[in-house]
PDB file of all heavy atoms in Angstrom:
ATOM      1  N   SER A   1       7.302  31.860 -65.004  1.00  0.00           N
ATOM      2  CA  SER A   1       7.947  30.639 -64.541  1.00  0.00           C
ATOM      3  C   SER A   1       9.315  30.443 -65.206  1.00  0.00           C
ATOM      4  O   SER A   1       9.928  29.357 -65.055  1.00  0.00           O
ATOM      5  CB  SER A   1       7.081  29.415 -64.825  1.00  0.00           C
ATOM      6  OG  SER A   1       5.888  29.471 -64.139  1.00  0.00           O
ATOM      7  N   GLY A   2       9.768  31.431 -65.940  1.00  0.00           N
ATOM      8  CA  GLY A   2      11.095  31.376 -66.495  1.00  0.00           C
ATOM      9  C   GLY A   2      11.226  30.891 -67.944  1.00  0.00           C
ATOM     10  O   GLY A   2      12.288  31.031 -68.503  1.00  0.00           O
ATOM     11  N   GLY A   3      10.097  30.400 -68.480  1.00  0.00           N
ATOM     12  CA  GLY A   3      10.168  30.109 -69.890  1.00  0.00           C
ATOM     13  C   GLY A   3      11.018  28.975 -70.337  1.00  0.00           C
ATOM     14  O   GLY A   3      11.564  28.954 -71.371  1.00  0.00           O
ATOM     15  N   THR A   4      11.065  27.879 -69.451  1.00  0.00           N
ATOM     16  CA  THR A   4      11.830  26.665 -69.923  1.00  0.00           C
ATOM     17  C   THR A   4      11.111  26.016 -71.067  1.00  0.00           C
ATOM     18  O   THR A   4       9.849  26.183 -71.230  1.00  0.00           O
ATOM     19  CB  THR A   4      11.978  25.736 -68.730  1.00  0.00           C
ATOM     20  OG1 THR A   4      10.665  25.432 -68.154  1.00  0.00           O
ATOM     21  CG2 THR A   4      12.870  26.278 -67.658  1.00  0.00           C
ATOM     22  N   MET A   5      11.865  25.349 -71.898  1.00  0.00           N
ATOM     23  CA  MET A   5      11.370  24.745 -73.121  1.00  0.00           C
ATOM     24  C   MET A   5      11.429  23.229 -73.123  1.00  0.00           C
ATOM     25  O   MET A   5      12.177  22.635 -72.393  1.00  0.00           O
ATOM     26  CB  MET A   5      12.180  25.351 -74.306  1.00  0.00           C
ATOM     27  CG  MET A   5      11.981  26.795 -74.473  1.00  0.00           C
ATOM     28  SD  MET A   5      13.294  27.580 -75.490  1.00  0.00           S
ATOM     29  CE  MET A   5      14.496  27.714 -74.343  1.00  0.00           C
ATOM     30  N   ASN A   6      10.605  22.665 -74.041  1.00  0.00           N
ATOM     31  CA  ASN A   6      10.568  21.248 -74.115  1.00  0.00           C
ATOM     32  C   ASN A   6      10.307  20.898 -75.596  1.00  0.00           C
ATOM     33  O   ASN A   6       9.637  21.610 -76.257  1.00  0.00           O
ATOM     34  CB  ASN A   6       9.488  20.639 -73.242  1.00  0.00           C
ATOM     35  CG  ASN A   6       9.567  19.197 -73.018  1.00  0.00           C
ATOM     36  OD1 ASN A   6      10.540  18.597 -73.387  1.00  0.00           O
ATOM     37  ND2 ASN A   6       8.558  18.615 -72.406  1.00  0.00           N
ATOM     38  N   TYR A   7      10.956  19.747 -76.050  1.00  0.00           N
ATOM     39  CA  TYR A   7      10.802  19.424 -77.411  1.00  0.00           C
ATOM     40  C   TYR A   7      10.518  17.825 -77.464  1.00  0.00           C
ATOM     41  O   TYR A   7      11.081  17.075 -76.681  1.00  0.00           O
ATOM     42  CB  TYR A   7      12.084  19.627 -78.187  1.00  0.00           C
ATOM     43  CG  TYR A   7      12.445  21.120 -78.369  1.00  0.00           C
ATOM     44  CD1 TYR A   7      13.278  21.675 -77.384  1.00  0.00           C
ATOM     45  CD2 TYR A   7      11.936  21.959 -79.426  1.00  0.00           C
ATOM     46  CE1 TYR A   7      13.624  23.046 -77.561  1.00  0.00           C
ATOM     47  CE2 TYR A   7      12.294  23.254 -79.514  1.00  0.00           C
ATOM     48  CZ  TYR A   7      13.149  23.795 -78.604  1.00  0.00           C
ATOM     49  OH  TYR A   7      13.461  25.114 -78.677  1.00  0.00           O
ATOM     50  N   VAL A   8       9.784  17.491 -78.426  1.00  0.00           N
ATOM     51  CA  VAL A   8       9.643  16.071 -78.658  1.00  0.00           C
ATOM     52  C   VAL A   8      10.868  15.550 -79.362  1.00  0.00           C
ATOM     53  O   VAL A   8      11.523  16.338 -80.122  1.00  0.00           O
ATOM     54  CB  VAL A   8       8.344  15.815 -79.504  1.00  0.00           C
ATOM     55  CG1 VAL A   8       8.471  16.363 -80.887  1.00  0.00           C
ATOM     56  CG2 VAL A   8       7.992  14.309 -79.491  1.00  0.00           C
ATOM     57  N   ASP A   9      11.245  14.310 -79.231  1.00  0.00           N
ATOM     58  CA  ASP A   9      12.570  13.818 -79.713  1.00  0.00           C
ATOM     59  C   ASP A   9      12.715  14.090 -81.227  1.00  0.00           C
ATOM     60  O   ASP A   9      13.860  14.378 -81.686  1.00  0.00           O
ATOM     61  CB  ASP A   9      12.711  12.371 -79.380  1.00  0.00           C
ATOM     62  CG  ASP A   9      12.987  12.168 -77.909  1.00  0.00           C
ATOM     63  OD1 ASP A   9      13.366  13.074 -77.220  1.00  0.00           O
ATOM     64  OD2 ASP A   9      12.959  10.982 -77.492  1.00  0.00           O
ATOM     65  N   PHE A  10      11.689  13.846 -81.987  1.00  0.00           N
ATOM     66  CA  PHE A  10      11.900  13.863 -83.437  1.00  0.00           C
ATOM     67  C   PHE A  10      12.132  15.281 -84.078  1.00  0.00           C
ATOM     68  O   PHE A  10      12.319  15.425 -85.269  1.00  0.00           O
ATOM     69  CB  PHE A  10      10.781  13.111 -84.189  1.00  0.00           C
ATOM     70  CG  PHE A  10       9.419  13.562 -83.844  1.00  0.00           C
ATOM     71  CD1 PHE A  10       8.875  14.708 -84.388  1.00  0.00           C
ATOM     72  CD2 PHE A  10       8.582  12.785 -83.061  1.00  0.00           C
ATOM     73  CE1 PHE A  10       7.560  15.051 -84.114  1.00  0.00           C
ATOM     74  CE2 PHE A  10       7.355  13.164 -82.704  1.00  0.00           C
ATOM     75  CZ  PHE A  10       6.803  14.336 -83.240  1.00  0.00           C
ATOM     76  N   VAL A  11      12.044  16.265 -83.208  1.00  0.00           N
ATOM     77  CA  VAL A  11      12.326  17.655 -83.735  1.00  0.00           C
ATOM     78  C   VAL A  11      13.578  18.249 -83.063  1.00  0.00           C
ATOM     79  O   VAL A  11      14.012  19.332 -83.454  1.00  0.00           O
ATOM     80  CB  VAL A  11      11.134  18.570 -83.602  1.00  0.00           C
ATOM     81  CG1 VAL A  11       9.923  18.041 -84.280  1.00  0.00           C
ATOM     82  CG2 VAL A  11      10.831  18.978 -82.159  1.00  0.00           C
ATOM     83  N   LYS A  12      14.092  17.582 -82.094  1.00  0.00           N
ATOM     84  CA  LYS A  12      15.235  18.173 -81.369  1.00  0.00           C
ATOM     85  C   LYS A  12      16.416  18.369 -82.359  1.00  0.00           C
ATOM     86  O   LYS A  12      16.738  17.495 -83.130  1.00  0.00           O
ATOM     87  CB  LYS A  12      15.704  17.209 -80.214  1.00  0.00           C
ATOM     88  CG  LYS A  12      14.813  17.203 -79.030  1.00  0.00           C
ATOM     89  CD  LYS A  12      15.274  16.324 -77.941  1.00  0.00           C
ATOM     90  CE  LYS A  12      14.344  16.371 -76.694  1.00  0.00           C
ATOM     91  NZ  LYS A  12      14.742  15.426 -75.668  1.00  0.00           N
ATOM     92  N   GLY A  13      17.021  19.538 -82.245  1.00  0.00           N
ATOM     93  CA  GLY A  13      18.089  19.886 -83.146  1.00  0.00           C
ATOM     94  C   GLY A  13      17.674  20.507 -84.463  1.00  0.00           C
ATOM     95  O   GLY A  13      18.470  21.033 -85.223  1.00  0.00           O
ATOM     96  N   ARG A  14      16.325  20.353 -84.751  1.00  0.00           N
ATOM     97  CA  ARG A  14      15.770  21.011 -85.969  1.00  0.00           C
ATOM     98  C   ARG A  14      14.851  22.162 -85.683  1.00  0.00           C
ATOM     99  O   ARG A  14      14.808  23.125 -86.457  1.00  0.00           O
ATOM    100  CB  ARG A  14      15.094  19.933 -86.810  1.00  0.00           C
ATOM    101  CG  ARG A  14      15.942  18.750 -87.205  1.00  0.00           C
ATOM    102  CD  ARG A  14      15.230  17.910 -88.296  1.00  0.00           C
ATOM    103  NE  ARG A  14      14.001  17.299 -87.735  1.00  0.00           N
ATOM    104  CZ  ARG A  14      12.794  17.389 -88.318  1.00  0.00           C
ATOM    105  NH1 ARG A  14      12.683  18.113 -89.410  1.00  0.00           N
ATOM    106  NH2 ARG A  14      11.708  16.835 -87.814  1.00  0.00           N
ATOM    107  N   PHE A  15      14.109  22.046 -84.673  1.00  0.00           N
ATOM    108  CA  PHE A  15      13.060  23.099 -84.322  1.00  0.00           C
ATOM    109  C   PHE A  15      13.512  23.796 -83.110  1.00  0.00           C
ATOM    110  O   PHE A  15      14.096  23.224 -82.171  1.00  0.00           O
ATOM    111  CB  PHE A  15      11.682  22.456 -84.046  1.00  0.00           C
ATOM    112  CG  PHE A  15      11.045  21.820 -85.297  1.00  0.00           C
ATOM    113  CD1 PHE A  15      11.701  21.668 -86.427  1.00  0.00           C
ATOM    114  CD2 PHE A  15       9.688  21.440 -85.150  1.00  0.00           C
ATOM    115  CE1 PHE A  15      11.024  21.061 -87.570  1.00  0.00           C
ATOM    116  CE2 PHE A  15       9.027  20.827 -86.211  1.00  0.00           C
ATOM    117  CZ  PHE A  15       9.732  20.664 -87.426  1.00  0.00           C
ATOM    118  N   THR A  16      13.159  25.149 -83.111  1.00  0.00           N
ATOM    119  CA  THR A  16      13.472  26.009 -81.917  1.00  0.00           C
ATOM    120  C   THR A  16      12.265  26.835 -81.592  1.00  0.00           C
ATOM    121  O   THR A  16      11.684  27.511 -82.468  1.00  0.00           O
ATOM    122  CB  THR A  16      14.687  26.909 -82.250  1.00  0.00           C
ATOM    123  OG1 THR A  16      15.832  26.158 -82.561  1.00  0.00           O
ATOM    124  CG2 THR A  16      14.999  27.711 -80.994  1.00  0.00           C
ATOM    125  N   ILE A  17      11.906  26.736 -80.337  1.00  0.00           N
ATOM    126  CA  ILE A  17      10.755  27.628 -79.927  1.00  0.00           C
ATOM    127  C   ILE A  17      11.352  28.805 -79.157  1.00  0.00           C
ATOM    128  O   ILE A  17      12.323  28.733 -78.417  1.00  0.00           O
ATOM    129  CB  ILE A  17       9.763  26.847 -78.944  1.00  0.00           C
ATOM    130  CG1 ILE A  17       8.487  27.611 -78.738  1.00  0.00           C
ATOM    131  CG2 ILE A  17      10.423  26.438 -77.646  1.00  0.00           C
ATOM    132  CD1 ILE A  17       7.385  26.780 -78.102  1.00  0.00           C
ATOM    133  N   SER A  18      10.721  29.974 -79.465  1.00  0.00           N
ATOM    134  CA  SER A  18      11.213  31.207 -78.779  1.00  0.00           C
ATOM    135  C   SER A  18      10.093  32.174 -78.576  1.00  0.00           C
ATOM    136  O   SER A  18       9.004  31.945 -79.062  1.00  0.00           O
ATOM    137  CB  SER A  18      12.323  31.890 -79.592  1.00  0.00           C
ATOM    138  OG  SER A  18      11.867  32.278 -80.832  1.00  0.00           O
ATOM    139  N   ARG A  19      10.387  33.217 -77.865  1.00  0.00           N
ATOM    140  CA  ARG A  19       9.253  34.183 -77.555  1.00  0.00           C
ATOM    141  C   ARG A  19       9.789  35.573 -77.658  1.00  0.00           C
ATOM    142  O   ARG A  19      10.896  35.839 -77.232  1.00  0.00           O
ATOM    143  CB  ARG A  19       8.815  33.903 -76.096  1.00  0.00           C
ATOM    144  CG  ARG A  19       7.720  34.719 -75.564  1.00  0.00           C
ATOM    145  CD  ARG A  19       7.258  34.170 -74.191  1.00  0.00           C
ATOM    146  NE  ARG A  19       8.359  33.951 -73.311  1.00  0.00           N
ATOM    147  CZ  ARG A  19       8.354  33.051 -72.294  1.00  0.00           C
ATOM    148  NH1 ARG A  19       7.220  32.355 -72.045  1.00  0.00           N
ATOM    149  NH2 ARG A  19       9.327  32.981 -71.490  1.00  0.00           N
ATOM    150  N   ASP A  20       9.039  36.477 -78.216  1.00  0.00           N
ATOM    151  CA  ASP A  20       9.349  37.874 -78.352  1.00  0.00           C
ATOM    152  C   ASP A  20       8.240  38.625 -77.575  1.00  0.00           C
ATOM    153  O   ASP A  20       7.099  38.773 -78.068  1.00  0.00           O
ATOM    154  CB  ASP A  20       9.376  38.346 -79.759  1.00  0.00           C
ATOM    155  CG  ASP A  20       9.876  39.793 -79.908  1.00  0.00           C
ATOM    156  OD1 ASP A  20       9.579  40.565 -79.000  1.00  0.00           O
ATOM    157  OD2 ASP A  20      10.536  40.084 -80.926  1.00  0.00           O
ATOM    158  N   LEU A  21       8.571  39.071 -76.398  1.00  0.00           N
ATOM    159  CA  LEU A  21       7.567  39.716 -75.531  1.00  0.00           C
ATOM    160  C   LEU A  21       7.118  41.062 -76.088  1.00  0.00           C
ATOM    161  O   LEU A  21       5.943  41.438 -75.933  1.00  0.00           O
ATOM    162  CB  LEU A  21       8.108  39.872 -74.066  1.00  0.00           C
ATOM    163  CG  LEU A  21       8.485  38.568 -73.348  1.00  0.00           C
ATOM    164  CD1 LEU A  21       9.071  38.806 -72.008  1.00  0.00           C
ATOM    165  CD2 LEU A  21       7.237  37.663 -73.347  1.00  0.00           C
ATOM    166  N   ASP A  22       8.049  41.784 -76.694  1.00  0.00           N
ATOM    167  CA  ASP A  22       7.713  43.100 -77.299  1.00  0.00           C
ATOM    168  C   ASP A  22       6.642  42.929 -78.384  1.00  0.00           C
ATOM    169  O   ASP A  22       5.718  43.748 -78.457  1.00  0.00           O
ATOM    170  CB  ASP A  22       8.962  43.812 -77.819  1.00  0.00           C
ATOM    171  CG  ASP A  22       9.896  44.245 -76.734  1.00  0.00           C
ATOM    172  OD1 ASP A  22       9.408  44.414 -75.563  1.00  0.00           O
ATOM    173  OD2 ASP A  22      11.103  44.440 -76.968  1.00  0.00           O
ATOM    174  N   LYS A  23       6.828  41.911 -79.160  1.00  0.00           N
ATOM    175  CA  LYS A  23       5.863  41.638 -80.305  1.00  0.00           C
ATOM    176  C   LYS A  23       4.700  40.778 -79.876  1.00  0.00           C
ATOM    177  O   LYS A  23       3.792  40.612 -80.627  1.00  0.00           O
ATOM    178  CB  LYS A  23       6.595  41.017 -81.404  1.00  0.00           C
ATOM    179  CG  LYS A  23       7.612  41.928 -82.035  1.00  0.00           C
ATOM    180  CD  LYS A  23       8.320  41.316 -83.238  1.00  0.00           C
ATOM    181  CE  LYS A  23       9.337  42.268 -83.888  1.00  0.00           C
ATOM    182  NZ  LYS A  23      10.009  41.676 -85.080  1.00  0.00           N
ATOM    183  N   GLU A  24       4.742  40.200 -78.564  1.00  0.00           N
ATOM    184  CA  GLU A  24       3.746  39.362 -78.061  1.00  0.00           C
ATOM    185  C   GLU A  24       3.517  38.091 -79.070  1.00  0.00           C
ATOM    186  O   GLU A  24       2.371  37.812 -79.475  1.00  0.00           O
ATOM    187  CB  GLU A  24       2.430  40.088 -77.900  1.00  0.00           C
ATOM    188  CG  GLU A  24       2.563  41.224 -76.846  1.00  0.00           C
ATOM    189  CD  GLU A  24       1.298  42.002 -76.630  1.00  0.00           C
ATOM    190  OE1 GLU A  24       0.373  41.941 -77.493  1.00  0.00           O
ATOM    191  OE2 GLU A  24       1.135  42.669 -75.583  1.00  0.00           O
ATOM    192  N   VAL A  25       4.602  37.456 -79.334  1.00  0.00           N
ATOM    193  CA  VAL A  25       4.624  36.382 -80.287  1.00  0.00           C
ATOM    194  C   VAL A  25       5.458  35.227 -79.766  1.00  0.00           C
ATOM    195  O   VAL A  25       6.529  35.458 -79.130  1.00  0.00           O
ATOM    196  CB  VAL A  25       5.115  36.763 -81.672  1.00  0.00           C
ATOM    197  CG1 VAL A  25       5.213  35.658 -82.597  1.00  0.00           C
ATOM    198  CG2 VAL A  25       4.225  37.855 -82.322  1.00  0.00           C
ATOM    199  N   VAL A  26       4.993  33.987 -79.953  1.00  0.00           N
ATOM    200  CA  VAL A  26       5.844  32.811 -79.811  1.00  0.00           C
ATOM    201  C   VAL A  26       6.129  32.259 -81.191  1.00  0.00           C
ATOM    202  O   VAL A  26       5.241  32.100 -82.004  1.00  0.00           O
ATOM    203  CB  VAL A  26       5.140  31.731 -78.932  1.00  0.00           C
ATOM    204  CG1 VAL A  26       5.925  30.482 -78.927  1.00  0.00           C
ATOM    205  CG2 VAL A  26       4.910  32.299 -77.509  1.00  0.00           C
ATOM    206  N   TYR A  27       7.446  31.958 -81.393  1.00  0.00           N
ATOM    207  CA  TYR A  27       7.848  31.446 -82.756  1.00  0.00           C
ATOM    208  C   TYR A  27       8.168  29.950 -82.610  1.00  0.00           C
ATOM    209  O   TYR A  27       8.576  29.464 -81.557  1.00  0.00           O
ATOM    210  CB  TYR A  27       9.071  32.176 -83.224  1.00  0.00           C
ATOM    211  CG  TYR A  27       8.895  33.662 -83.455  1.00  0.00           C
ATOM    212  CD1 TYR A  27       9.453  34.578 -82.601  1.00  0.00           C
ATOM    213  CD2 TYR A  27       8.180  34.121 -84.530  1.00  0.00           C
ATOM    214  CE1 TYR A  27       9.321  35.922 -82.799  1.00  0.00           C
ATOM    215  CE2 TYR A  27       7.957  35.520 -84.768  1.00  0.00           C
ATOM    216  CZ  TYR A  27       8.589  36.371 -83.897  1.00  0.00           C
ATOM    217  OH  TYR A  27       8.403  37.740 -84.189  1.00  0.00           O
ATOM    218  N   LEU A  28       7.985  29.261 -83.790  1.00  0.00           N
ATOM    219  CA  LEU A  28       8.573  27.936 -83.874  1.00  0.00           C
ATOM    220  C   LEU A  28       9.423  27.981 -85.179  1.00  0.00           C
ATOM    221  O   LEU A  28       8.874  28.055 -86.321  1.00  0.00           O
ATOM    222  CB  LEU A  28       7.467  26.902 -84.054  1.00  0.00           C
ATOM    223  CG  LEU A  28       7.968  25.502 -84.167  1.00  0.00           C
ATOM    224  CD1 LEU A  28       8.643  25.007 -82.826  1.00  0.00           C
ATOM    225  CD2 LEU A  28       6.880  24.466 -84.477  1.00  0.00           C
ATOM    226  N   GLU A  29      10.757  27.999 -84.980  1.00  0.00           N
ATOM    227  CA  GLU A  29      11.610  27.997 -86.143  1.00  0.00           C
ATOM    228  C   GLU A  29      11.916  26.602 -86.534  1.00  0.00           C
ATOM    229  O   GLU A  29      12.302  25.733 -85.684  1.00  0.00           O
ATOM    230  CB  GLU A  29      12.994  28.659 -85.704  1.00  0.00           C
ATOM    231  CG  GLU A  29      14.025  28.758 -86.861  1.00  0.00           C
ATOM    232  CD  GLU A  29      13.622  29.902 -87.830  1.00  0.00           C
ATOM    233  OE1 GLU A  29      13.148  30.945 -87.408  1.00  0.00           O
ATOM    234  OE2 GLU A  29      13.912  29.777 -89.018  1.00  0.00           O
ATOM    235  N   MET A  30      11.607  26.227 -87.752  1.00  0.00           N
ATOM    236  CA  MET A  30      11.708  24.858 -88.191  1.00  0.00           C
ATOM    237  C   MET A  30      12.737  24.767 -89.300  1.00  0.00           C
ATOM    238  O   MET A  30      12.571  25.463 -90.418  1.00  0.00           O
ATOM    239  CB  MET A  30      10.370  24.353 -88.706  1.00  0.00           C
ATOM    240  CG  MET A  30       9.230  24.534 -87.712  1.00  0.00           C
ATOM    241  SD  MET A  30       7.714  23.726 -88.194  1.00  0.00           S
ATOM    242  CE  MET A  30       7.221  24.724 -89.669  1.00  0.00           C
ATOM    243  N   ASN A  31      13.792  23.967 -89.088  1.00  0.00           N
ATOM    244  CA  ASN A  31      14.859  23.800 -90.099  1.00  0.00           C
ATOM    245  C   ASN A  31      14.963  22.368 -90.519  1.00  0.00           C
ATOM    246  O   ASN A  31      14.446  21.481 -89.788  1.00  0.00           O
ATOM    247  CB  ASN A  31      16.184  24.323 -89.488  1.00  0.00           C
ATOM    248  CG  ASN A  31      16.157  25.734 -89.144  1.00  0.00           C
ATOM    249  OD1 ASN A  31      15.731  26.576 -89.924  1.00  0.00           O
ATOM    250  ND2 ASN A  31      16.630  26.085 -87.931  1.00  0.00           N
ATOM    251  N   ASP A  32      15.636  22.113 -91.641  1.00  0.00           N
ATOM    252  CA  ASP A  32      15.814  20.778 -92.112  1.00  0.00           C
ATOM    253  C   ASP A  32      14.495  20.059 -92.238  1.00  0.00           C
ATOM    254  O   ASP A  32      14.383  18.890 -91.663  1.00  0.00           O
ATOM    255  CB  ASP A  32      16.850  20.010 -91.281  1.00  0.00           C
ATOM    256  CG  ASP A  32      17.248  18.667 -91.866  1.00  0.00           C
ATOM    257  OD1 ASP A  32      17.188  18.512 -93.095  1.00  0.00           O
ATOM    258  OD2 ASP A  32      17.703  17.781 -91.089  1.00  0.00           O
ATOM    259  N   LEU A  33      13.502  20.701 -92.823  1.00  0.00           N
ATOM    260  CA  LEU A  33      12.170  20.012 -92.836  1.00  0.00           C
ATOM    261  C   LEU A  33      12.175  18.790 -93.643  1.00  0.00           C
ATOM    262  O   LEU A  33      12.862  18.656 -94.653  1.00  0.00           O
ATOM    263  CB  LEU A  33      11.173  21.045 -93.288  1.00  0.00           C
ATOM    264  CG  LEU A  33      10.814  22.156 -92.286  1.00  0.00           C
ATOM    265  CD1 LEU A  33      10.120  23.345 -92.959  1.00  0.00           C
ATOM    266  CD2 LEU A  33       9.893  21.541 -91.246  1.00  0.00           C
ATOM    267  N   LYS A  34      11.342  17.848 -93.204  1.00  0.00           N
ATOM    268  CA  LYS A  34      11.178  16.522 -93.858  1.00  0.00           C
ATOM    269  C   LYS A  34       9.688  16.359 -94.297  1.00  0.00           C
ATOM    270  O   LYS A  34       8.808  17.021 -93.708  1.00  0.00           O
ATOM    271  CB  LYS A  34      11.555  15.449 -92.863  1.00  0.00           C
ATOM    272  CG  LYS A  34      12.966  15.622 -92.258  1.00  0.00           C
ATOM    273  CD  LYS A  34      13.173  14.587 -91.194  1.00  0.00           C
ATOM    274  CE  LYS A  34      14.475  14.775 -90.453  1.00  0.00           C
ATOM    275  NZ  LYS A  34      15.661  14.791 -91.295  1.00  0.00           N
ATOM    276  N   PRO A  35       9.444  15.495 -95.224  1.00  0.00           N
ATOM    277  CA  PRO A  35       8.003  15.261 -95.647  1.00  0.00           C
ATOM    278  C   PRO A  35       7.150  14.976 -94.423  1.00  0.00           C
ATOM    279  O   PRO A  35       5.993  15.305 -94.445  1.00  0.00           O
ATOM    280  CB  PRO A  35       8.135  14.130 -96.640  1.00  0.00           C
ATOM    281  CG  PRO A  35       9.566  14.251 -97.166  1.00  0.00           C
ATOM    282  CD  PRO A  35      10.392  14.782 -96.052  1.00  0.00           C
ATOM    283  N   GLU A  36       7.640  14.185 -93.502  1.00  0.00           N
ATOM    284  CA  GLU A  36       6.829  13.783 -92.349  1.00  0.00           C
ATOM    285  C   GLU A  36       6.556  14.932 -91.405  1.00  0.00           C
ATOM    286  O   GLU A  36       5.731  14.755 -90.497  1.00  0.00           O
ATOM    287  CB  GLU A  36       7.525  12.661 -91.523  1.00  0.00           C
ATOM    288  CG  GLU A  36       8.972  12.944 -91.159  1.00  0.00           C
ATOM    289  CD  GLU A  36       9.956  12.330 -92.196  1.00  0.00           C
ATOM    290  OE1 GLU A  36       9.704  12.427 -93.379  1.00  0.00           O
ATOM    291  OE2 GLU A  36      10.982  11.829 -91.665  1.00  0.00           O
ATOM    292  N   ASP A  37       7.120  16.087 -91.694  1.00  0.00           N
ATOM    293  CA  ASP A  37       6.714  17.297 -90.875  1.00  0.00           C
ATOM    294  C   ASP A  37       5.443  17.945 -91.399  1.00  0.00           C
ATOM    295  O   ASP A  37       4.955  18.889 -90.848  1.00  0.00           O
ATOM    296  CB  ASP A  37       7.870  18.295 -90.855  1.00  0.00           C
ATOM    297  CG  ASP A  37       9.128  17.839 -90.068  1.00  0.00           C
ATOM    298  OD1 ASP A  37       8.963  17.215 -89.090  1.00  0.00           O
ATOM    299  OD2 ASP A  37      10.240  18.090 -90.635  1.00  0.00           O
ATOM    300  N   THR A  38       4.962  17.406 -92.529  1.00  0.00           N
ATOM    301  CA  THR A  38       3.793  18.001 -93.161  1.00  0.00           C
ATOM    302  C   THR A  38       2.561  17.847 -92.180  1.00  0.00           C
ATOM    303  O   THR A  38       2.388  16.789 -91.606  1.00  0.00           O
ATOM    304  CB  THR A  38       3.463  17.362 -94.501  1.00  0.00           C
ATOM    305  OG1 THR A  38       4.482  17.675 -95.410  1.00  0.00           O
ATOM    306  CG2 THR A  38       2.137  17.720 -95.086  1.00  0.00           C
ATOM    307  N   GLY A  39       1.804  18.912 -92.093  1.00  0.00           N
ATOM    308  CA  GLY A  39       0.569  18.784 -91.305  1.00  0.00           C
ATOM    309  C   GLY A  39       0.022  20.198 -90.951  1.00  0.00           C
ATOM    310  O   GLY A  39       0.616  21.199 -91.377  1.00  0.00           O
TER     311      GLY A  39
END
């Protein structure tokens, strides 16, 4: 379906979702982490 992405507002600009088909992995790159990101 083209792999369009969606983010919840409180992570926009900080988190990035991506996919590596060769490695068969989906990543979540998380930057500028805050205590409220704990979980």
